[in-house]
Amino acid sequence: MAAAAPLPPRIRRTLELVYGVPGVTAARVWQWHNCVAVGVRPSSACAPAELLGRVEAAVSGLREADETWDFGLLDA
């Protein structure tokens, strides 16, 4: 089986920051054109809306002025 291609540095850094937020049990990041989407699965001890706010704050430094970022919850 072939090894997976390495993640682009920006996606890897986004995942590092997202997984650094307490309460995140899973995360996915998608990027296309000027859009980035971040999906997270919260732990049972976290309020989903509050967690999304903390995730958004954690990655705010990566945002470019011309980009749209969306945040949401992953299905269990």
PDB file of N, CA and C in Angstrom:
ATOM      1  N   MET A   1       0.847  -1.177   0.000  1.00  0.00           N
ATOM      2  CA  MET A   1       0.000   0.000   0.000  1.00  0.00           C
ATOM      3  C   MET A   1       0.890   1.237   0.000  1.00  0.00           C
ATOM      4  N   ALA A   2       0.558   2.206  -0.827  1.00  0.00           N
ATOM      5  CA  ALA A   2       1.354   3.428  -0.933  1.00  0.00           C
ATOM      6  C   ALA A   2       1.139   4.317   0.288  1.00  0.00           C
ATOM      7  N   ALA A   3       2.181   5.025   0.653  1.00  0.00           N
ATOM      8  CA  ALA A   3       2.082   5.956   1.786  1.00  0.00           C
ATOM      9  C   ALA A   3       1.221   7.150   1.386  1.00  0.00           C
ATOM     10  N   ALA A   4       0.494   7.670   2.350  1.00  0.00           N
ATOM     11  CA  ALA A   4      -0.343   8.843   2.097  1.00  0.00           C
ATOM     12  C   ALA A   4       0.534  10.055   1.802  1.00  0.00           C
ATOM     13  N   ALA A   5       0.046  10.911   0.939  1.00  0.00           N
ATOM     14  CA  ALA A   5       0.782  12.142   0.628  1.00  0.00           C
ATOM     15  C   ALA A   5       0.816  13.027   1.869  1.00  0.00           C
ATOM     16  N   PRO A   6       1.921  13.719   2.089  1.00  0.00           N
ATOM     17  CA  PRO A   6       1.991  14.603   3.263  1.00  0.00           C
ATOM     18  C   PRO A   6       0.985  15.746   3.138  1.00  0.00           C
ATOM     19  N   LEU A   7       0.479  16.176   4.273  1.00  0.00           N
ATOM     20  CA  LEU A   7      -0.462  17.295   4.294  1.00  0.00           C
ATOM     21  C   LEU A   7       0.263  18.600   3.988  1.00  0.00           C
ATOM     22  N   PRO A   8      -0.404  19.517   3.309  1.00  0.00           N
ATOM     23  CA  PRO A   8       0.188  20.847   3.134  1.00  0.00           C
ATOM     24  C   PRO A   8       0.434  21.476   4.506  1.00  0.00           C
ATOM     25  N   PRO A   9       1.496  22.259   4.646  1.00  0.00           N
ATOM     26  CA  PRO A   9       1.845  22.824   5.958  1.00  0.00           C
ATOM     27  C   PRO A   9       0.709  23.602   6.629  1.00  0.00           C
ATOM     28  N   ARG A  10      -0.040  24.347   5.864  1.00  0.00           N
ATOM     29  CA  ARG A  10      -1.114  25.148   6.469  1.00  0.00           C
ATOM     30  C   ARG A  10      -2.233  24.262   7.027  1.00  0.00           C
ATOM     31  N   ILE A  11      -2.579  23.207   6.311  1.00  0.00           N
ATOM     32  CA  ILE A  11      -3.606  22.278   6.797  1.00  0.00           C
ATOM     33  C   ILE A  11      -3.094  21.560   8.034  1.00  0.00           C
ATOM     34  N   ARG A  12      -1.845  21.135   8.002  1.00  0.00           N
ATOM     35  CA  ARG A  12      -1.258  20.463   9.165  1.00  0.00           C
ATOM     36  C   ARG A  12      -1.280  21.383  10.383  1.00  0.00           C
ATOM     37  N   ARG A  13      -0.913  22.651  10.205  1.00  0.00           N
ATOM     38  CA  ARG A  13      -0.913  23.606  11.325  1.00  0.00           C
ATOM     39  C   ARG A  13      -2.334  23.854  11.831  1.00  0.00           C
ATOM     40  N   THR A  14      -3.288  23.933  10.932  1.00  0.00           N
ATOM     41  CA  THR A  14      -4.685  24.097  11.345  1.00  0.00           C
ATOM     42  C   THR A  14      -5.118  22.921  12.210  1.00  0.00           C
ATOM     43  N   LEU A  15      -4.804  21.711  11.779  1.00  0.00           N
ATOM     44  CA  LEU A  15      -5.166  20.530  12.573  1.00  0.00           C
ATOM     45  C   LEU A  15      -4.467  20.532  13.931  1.00  0.00           C
ATOM     46  N   GLU A  16      -3.201  20.929  13.960  1.00  0.00           N
ATOM     47  CA  GLU A  16      -2.481  21.000  15.241  1.00  0.00           C
ATOM     48  C   GLU A  16      -3.175  21.956  16.202  1.00  0.00           C
ATOM     49  N   LEU A  17      -3.566  23.121  15.701  1.00  0.00           N
ATOM     50  CA  LEU A  17      -4.234  24.105  16.555  1.00  0.00           C
ATOM     51  C   LEU A  17      -5.603  23.611  17.008  1.00  0.00           C
ATOM     52  N   VAL A  18      -6.343  23.000  16.106  1.00  0.00           N
ATOM     53  CA  VAL A  18      -7.682  22.507  16.450  1.00  0.00           C
ATOM     54  C   VAL A  18      -7.588  21.396  17.489  1.00  0.00           C
ATOM     55  N   TYR A  19      -6.683  20.441  17.290  1.00  0.00           N
ATOM     56  CA  TYR A  19      -6.541  19.355  18.269  1.00  0.00           C
ATOM     57  C   TYR A  19      -5.983  19.854  19.599  1.00  0.00           C
ATOM     58  N   GLY A  20      -5.406  21.038  19.620  1.00  0.00           N
ATOM     59  CA  GLY A  20      -4.928  21.627  20.865  1.00  0.00           C
ATOM     60  C   GLY A  20      -6.033  22.227  21.717  1.00  0.00           C
ATOM     61  N   VAL A  21      -7.230  22.327  21.174  1.00  0.00           N
ATOM     62  CA  VAL A  21      -8.370  22.874  21.918  1.00  0.00           C
ATOM     63  C   VAL A  21      -8.961  21.758  22.775  1.00  0.00           C
ATOM     64  N   PRO A  22      -9.017  21.945  24.093  1.00  0.00           N
ATOM     65  CA  PRO A  22      -9.597  20.915  24.957  1.00  0.00           C
ATOM     66  C   PRO A  22     -11.047  20.617  24.564  1.00  0.00           C
ATOM     67  N   GLY A  23     -11.355  19.336  24.471  1.00  0.00           N
ATOM     68  CA  GLY A  23     -12.710  18.919  24.131  1.00  0.00           C
ATOM     69  C   GLY A  23     -12.874  18.445  22.704  1.00  0.00           C
ATOM     70  N   VAL A  24     -11.864  18.641  21.854  1.00  0.00           N
ATOM     71  CA  VAL A  24     -11.927  18.161  20.470  1.00  0.00           C
ATOM     72  C   VAL A  24     -11.479  16.705  20.459  1.00  0.00           C
ATOM     73  N   THR A  25     -12.360  15.809  19.975  1.00  0.00           N
ATOM     74  CA  THR A  25     -11.993  14.395  19.893  1.00  0.00           C
ATOM     75  C   THR A  25     -11.676  13.960  18.465  1.00  0.00           C
ATOM     76  N   ALA A  26     -12.141  14.727  17.476  1.00  0.00           N
ATOM     77  CA  ALA A  26     -11.833  14.449  16.072  1.00  0.00           C
ATOM     78  C   ALA A  26     -11.937  15.754  15.302  1.00  0.00           C
ATOM     79  N   ALA A  27     -11.174  15.848  14.223  1.00  0.00           N
ATOM     80  CA  ALA A  27     -11.206  17.071  13.415  1.00  0.00           C
ATOM     81  C   ALA A  27     -10.907  16.741  11.957  1.00  0.00           C
ATOM     82  N   ARG A  28     -11.512  17.522  11.076  1.00  0.00           N
ATOM     83  CA  ARG A  28     -11.251  17.444   9.640  1.00  0.00           C
ATOM     84  C   ARG A  28     -11.147  18.873   9.122  1.00  0.00           C
ATOM     85  N   VAL A  29     -10.288  19.068   8.125  1.00  0.00           N
ATOM     86  CA  VAL A  29     -10.137  20.390   7.508  1.00  0.00           C
ATOM     87  C   VAL A  29     -10.179  20.205   5.998  1.00  0.00           C
ATOM     88  N   TRP A  30     -10.969  21.038   5.338  1.00  0.00           N
ATOM     89  CA  TRP A  30     -11.065  21.057   3.889  1.00  0.00           C
ATOM     90  C   TRP A  30     -10.697  22.446   3.410  1.00  0.00           C
ATOM     91  N   GLN A  31      -9.961  22.519   2.301  1.00  0.00           N
ATOM     92  CA  GLN A  31      -9.593  23.818   1.736  1.00  0.00           C
ATOM     93  C   GLN A  31      -9.769  23.763   0.229  1.00  0.00           C
ATOM     94  N   TRP A  32     -10.425  24.786  -0.319  1.00  0.00           N
ATOM     95  CA  TRP A  32     -10.575  24.922  -1.752  1.00  0.00           C
ATOM     96  C   TRP A  32     -10.691  26.403  -2.070  1.00  0.00           C
ATOM     97  N   HIS A  33     -10.045  26.817  -3.109  1.00  0.00           N
ATOM     98  CA  HIS A  33     -10.005  28.226  -3.522  1.00  0.00           C
ATOM     99  C   HIS A  33      -9.781  29.127  -2.305  1.00  0.00           C
ATOM    100  N   ASN A  34     -10.699  30.033  -2.028  1.00  0.00           N
ATOM    101  CA  ASN A  34     -10.565  30.944  -0.883  1.00  0.00           C
ATOM    102  C   ASN A  34     -11.471  30.544   0.269  1.00  0.00           C
ATOM    103  N   CYS A  35     -11.730  29.260   0.395  1.00  0.00           N
ATOM    104  CA  CYS A  35     -12.610  28.758   1.460  1.00  0.00           C
ATOM    105  C   CYS A  35     -11.904  27.675   2.266  1.00  0.00           C
ATOM    106  N   VAL A  36     -12.148  27.701   3.566  1.00  0.00           N
ATOM    107  CA  VAL A  36     -11.645  26.669   4.465  1.00  0.00           C
ATOM    108  C   VAL A  36     -12.818  26.243   5.339  1.00  0.00           C
ATOM    109  N   ALA A  37     -12.979  24.944   5.516  1.00  0.00           N
ATOM    110  CA  ALA A  37     -14.014  24.425   6.407  1.00  0.00           C
ATOM    111  C   ALA A  37     -13.346  23.559   7.463  1.00  0.00           C
ATOM    112  N   VAL A  38     -13.770  23.729   8.697  1.00  0.00           N
ATOM    113  CA  VAL A  38     -13.234  22.962   9.819  1.00  0.00           C
ATOM    114  C   VAL A  38     -14.406  22.259  10.494  1.00  0.00           C
ATOM    115  N   GLY A  39     -14.309  20.948  10.606  1.00  0.00           N
ATOM    116  CA  GLY A  39     -15.319  20.172  11.312  1.00  0.00           C
ATOM    117  C   GLY A  39     -14.690  19.514  12.522  1.00  0.00           C
ATOM    118  N   VAL A  40     -15.396  19.545  13.644  1.00  0.00           N
ATOM    119  CA  VAL A  40     -14.882  18.929  14.868  1.00  0.00           C
ATOM    120  C   VAL A  40     -15.954  18.048  15.496  1.00  0.00           C
ATOM    121  N   ARG A  41     -15.499  17.068  16.251  1.00  0.00           N
ATOM    122  CA  ARG A  41     -16.384  16.248  17.079  1.00  0.00           C
ATOM    123  C   ARG A  41     -16.043  16.563  18.528  1.00  0.00           C
ATOM    124  N   PRO A  42     -17.016  17.059  19.289  1.00  0.00           N
ATOM    125  CA  PRO A  42     -16.744  17.421  20.685  1.00  0.00           C
ATOM    126  C   PRO A  42     -16.794  16.207  21.606  1.00  0.00           C
ATOM    127  N   SER A  43     -16.085  16.307  22.712  1.00  0.00           N
ATOM    128  CA  SER A  43     -16.207  15.284  23.748  1.00  0.00           C
ATOM    129  C   SER A  43     -17.571  15.447  24.404  1.00  0.00           C
ATOM    130  N   SER A  44     -17.996  14.429  25.127  1.00  0.00           N
ATOM    131  CA  SER A  44     -19.311  14.477  25.776  1.00  0.00           C
ATOM    132  C   SER A  44     -19.367  15.527  26.876  1.00  0.00           C
ATOM    133  N   ALA A  45     -18.217  15.995  27.336  1.00  0.00           N
ATOM    134  CA  ALA A  45     -18.174  16.982  28.422  1.00  0.00           C
ATOM    135  C   ALA A  45     -18.213  18.421  27.914  1.00  0.00           C
ATOM    136  N   CYS A  46     -18.289  18.627  26.589  1.00  0.00           N
ATOM    137  CA  CYS A  46     -18.236  19.985  26.027  1.00  0.00           C
ATOM    138  C   CYS A  46     -19.567  20.388  25.425  1.00  0.00           C
ATOM    139  N   ALA A  47     -19.874  21.664  25.561  1.00  0.00           N
ATOM    140  CA  ALA A  47     -21.017  22.244  24.853  1.00  0.00           C
ATOM    141  C   ALA A  47     -20.566  22.534  23.422  1.00  0.00           C
ATOM    142  N   PRO A  48     -21.236  21.965  22.427  1.00  0.00           N
ATOM    143  CA  PRO A  48     -20.782  22.122  21.042  1.00  0.00           C
ATOM    144  C   PRO A  48     -20.611  23.574  20.594  1.00  0.00           C
ATOM    145  N   ALA A  49     -21.551  24.441  20.905  1.00  0.00           N
ATOM    146  CA  ALA A  49     -21.448  25.837  20.455  1.00  0.00           C
ATOM    147  C   ALA A  49     -20.237  26.529  21.071  1.00  0.00           C
ATOM    148  N   GLU A  50     -19.993  26.263  22.337  1.00  0.00           N
ATOM    149  CA  GLU A  50     -18.848  26.873  23.024  1.00  0.00           C
ATOM    150  C   GLU A  50     -17.536  26.339  22.435  1.00  0.00           C
ATOM    151  N   LEU A  51     -17.508  25.056  22.122  1.00  0.00           N
ATOM    152  CA  LEU A  51     -16.308  24.457  21.535  1.00  0.00           C
ATOM    153  C   LEU A  51     -16.014  25.071  20.168  1.00  0.00           C
ATOM    154  N   LEU A  52     -17.040  25.260  19.346  1.00  0.00           N
ATOM    155  CA  LEU A  52     -16.822  25.863  18.028  1.00  0.00           C
ATOM    156  C   LEU A  52     -16.225  27.259  18.151  1.00  0.00           C
ATOM    157  N   GLY A  53     -16.665  28.018  19.132  1.00  0.00           N
ATOM    158  CA  GLY A  53     -16.099  29.352  19.355  1.00  0.00           C
ATOM    159  C   GLY A  53     -14.634  29.293  19.730  1.00  0.00           C
ATOM    160  N   ARG A  54     -14.270  28.316  20.567  1.00  0.00           N
ATOM    161  CA  ARG A  54     -12.863  28.181  20.961  1.00  0.00           C
ATOM    162  C   ARG A  54     -12.003  27.714  19.797  1.00  0.00           C
ATOM    163  N   VAL A  55     -12.543  26.834  18.956  1.00  0.00           N
ATOM    164  CA  VAL A  55     -11.810  26.374  17.773  1.00  0.00           C
ATOM    165  C   VAL A  55     -11.597  27.545  16.812  1.00  0.00           C
ATOM    166  N   GLU A  56     -12.640  28.323  16.584  1.00  0.00           N
ATOM    167  CA  GLU A  56     -12.522  29.482  15.696  1.00  0.00           C
ATOM    168  C   GLU A  56     -11.468  30.461  16.205  1.00  0.00           C
ATOM    169  N   ALA A  57     -11.443  30.694  17.505  1.00  0.00           N
ATOM    170  CA  ALA A  57     -10.442  31.596  18.088  1.00  0.00           C
ATOM    171  C   ALA A  57      -9.034  31.018  17.943  1.00  0.00           C
ATOM    172  N   ALA A  58      -8.896  29.704  18.078  1.00  0.00           N
ATOM    173  CA  ALA A  58      -7.578  29.067  18.015  1.00  0.00           C
ATOM    174  C   ALA A  58      -6.930  29.215  16.644  1.00  0.00           C
ATOM    175  N   VAL A  59      -7.728  29.213  15.592  1.00  0.00           N
ATOM    176  CA  VAL A  59      -7.163  29.277  14.237  1.00  0.00           C
ATOM    177  C   VAL A  59      -7.256  30.671  13.617  1.00  0.00           C
ATOM    178  N   SER A  60      -7.709  31.645  14.368  1.00  0.00           N
ATOM    179  CA  SER A  60      -7.923  32.987  13.809  1.00  0.00           C
ATOM    180  C   SER A  60      -6.646  33.590  13.218  1.00  0.00           C
ATOM    181  N   GLY A  61      -5.505  33.252  13.749  1.00  0.00           N
ATOM    182  CA  GLY A  61      -4.245  33.785  13.239  1.00  0.00           C
ATOM    183  C   GLY A  61      -3.852  33.253  11.874  1.00  0.00           C
ATOM    184  N   LEU A  62      -4.486  32.174  11.434  1.00  0.00           N
ATOM    185  CA  LEU A  62      -4.170  31.587  10.130  1.00  0.00           C
ATOM    186  C   LEU A  62      -5.000  32.175   8.996  1.00  0.00           C
ATOM    187  N   ARG A  63      -6.036  32.893   9.337  1.00  0.00           N
ATOM    188  CA  ARG A  63      -6.960  33.415   8.328  1.00  0.00           C
ATOM    189  C   ARG A  63      -6.310  34.488   7.464  1.00  0.00           C
ATOM    190  N   GLU A  64      -6.603  34.416   6.177  1.00  0.00           N
ATOM    191  CA  GLU A  64      -6.206  35.449   5.229  1.00  0.00           C
ATOM    192  C   GLU A  64      -7.409  36.364   5.017  1.00  0.00           C
ATOM    193  N   ALA A  65      -7.154  37.610   4.652  1.00  0.00           N
ATOM    194  CA  ALA A  65      -8.226  38.607   4.526  1.00  0.00           C
ATOM    195  C   ALA A  65      -9.287  38.219   3.494  1.00  0.00           C
ATOM    196  N   ASP A  66      -8.889  37.542   2.429  1.00  0.00           N
ATOM    197  CA  ASP A  66      -9.831  37.223   1.352  1.00  0.00           C
ATOM    198  C   ASP A  66     -10.453  35.834   1.476  1.00  0.00           C
ATOM    199  N   GLU A  67     -10.336  35.192   2.624  1.00  0.00           N
ATOM    200  CA  GLU A  67     -10.847  33.836   2.807  1.00  0.00           C
ATOM    201  C   GLU A  67     -12.156  33.818   3.591  1.00  0.00           C
ATOM    202  N   THR A  68     -12.922  32.779   3.325  1.00  0.00           N
ATOM    203  CA  THR A  68     -14.111  32.474   4.104  1.00  0.00           C
ATOM    204  C   THR A  68     -13.837  31.186   4.868  1.00  0.00           C
ATOM    205  N   TRP A  69     -14.051  31.211   6.175  1.00  0.00           N
ATOM    206  CA  TRP A  69     -13.884  30.026   7.008  1.00  0.00           C
ATOM    207  C   TRP A  69     -15.242  29.642   7.575  1.00  0.00           C
ATOM    208  N   ASP A  70     -15.553  28.348   7.536  1.00  0.00           N
ATOM    209  CA  ASP A  70     -16.781  27.814   8.115  1.00  0.00           C
ATOM    210  C   ASP A  70     -16.409  26.769   9.155  1.00  0.00           C
ATOM    211  N   PHE A  71     -17.196  26.718  10.219  1.00  0.00           N
ATOM    212  CA  PHE A  71     -16.949  25.787  11.317  1.00  0.00           C
ATOM    213  C   PHE A  71     -18.224  25.006  11.587  1.00  0.00           C
ATOM    214  N   GLY A  72     -18.068  23.712  11.848  1.00  0.00           N
ATOM    215  CA  GLY A  72     -19.238  22.893  12.122  1.00  0.00           C
ATOM    216  C   GLY A  72     -18.867  21.644  12.886  1.00  0.00           C
ATOM    217  N   LEU A  73     -19.891  20.861  13.177  1.00  0.00           N
ATOM    218  CA  LEU A  73     -19.726  19.632  13.943  1.00  0.00           C
ATOM    219  C   LEU A  73     -19.732  18.425  13.013  1.00  0.00           C
ATOM    220  N   LEU A  74     -18.871  17.463  13.297  1.00  0.00           N
ATOM    221  CA  LEU A  74     -18.842  16.204  12.568  1.00  0.00           C
ATOM    222  C   LEU A  74     -19.872  15.261  13.165  1.00  0.00           C
ATOM    223  N   ASP A  75     -20.474  14.432  12.333  1.00  0.00           N
ATOM    224  CA  ASP A  75     -21.394  13.412  12.832  1.00  0.00           C
ATOM    225  C   ASP A  75     -20.623  12.367  13.617  1.00  0.00           C
ATOM    226  N   ALA A  76     -21.297  11.790  14.568  1.00  0.00           N
ATOM    227  CA  ALA A  76     -20.663  10.753  15.410  1.00  0.00           C
ATOM    228  C   ALA A  76     -20.513   9.462  14.658  1.00  0.00           C
TER     229      ALA A  76
END
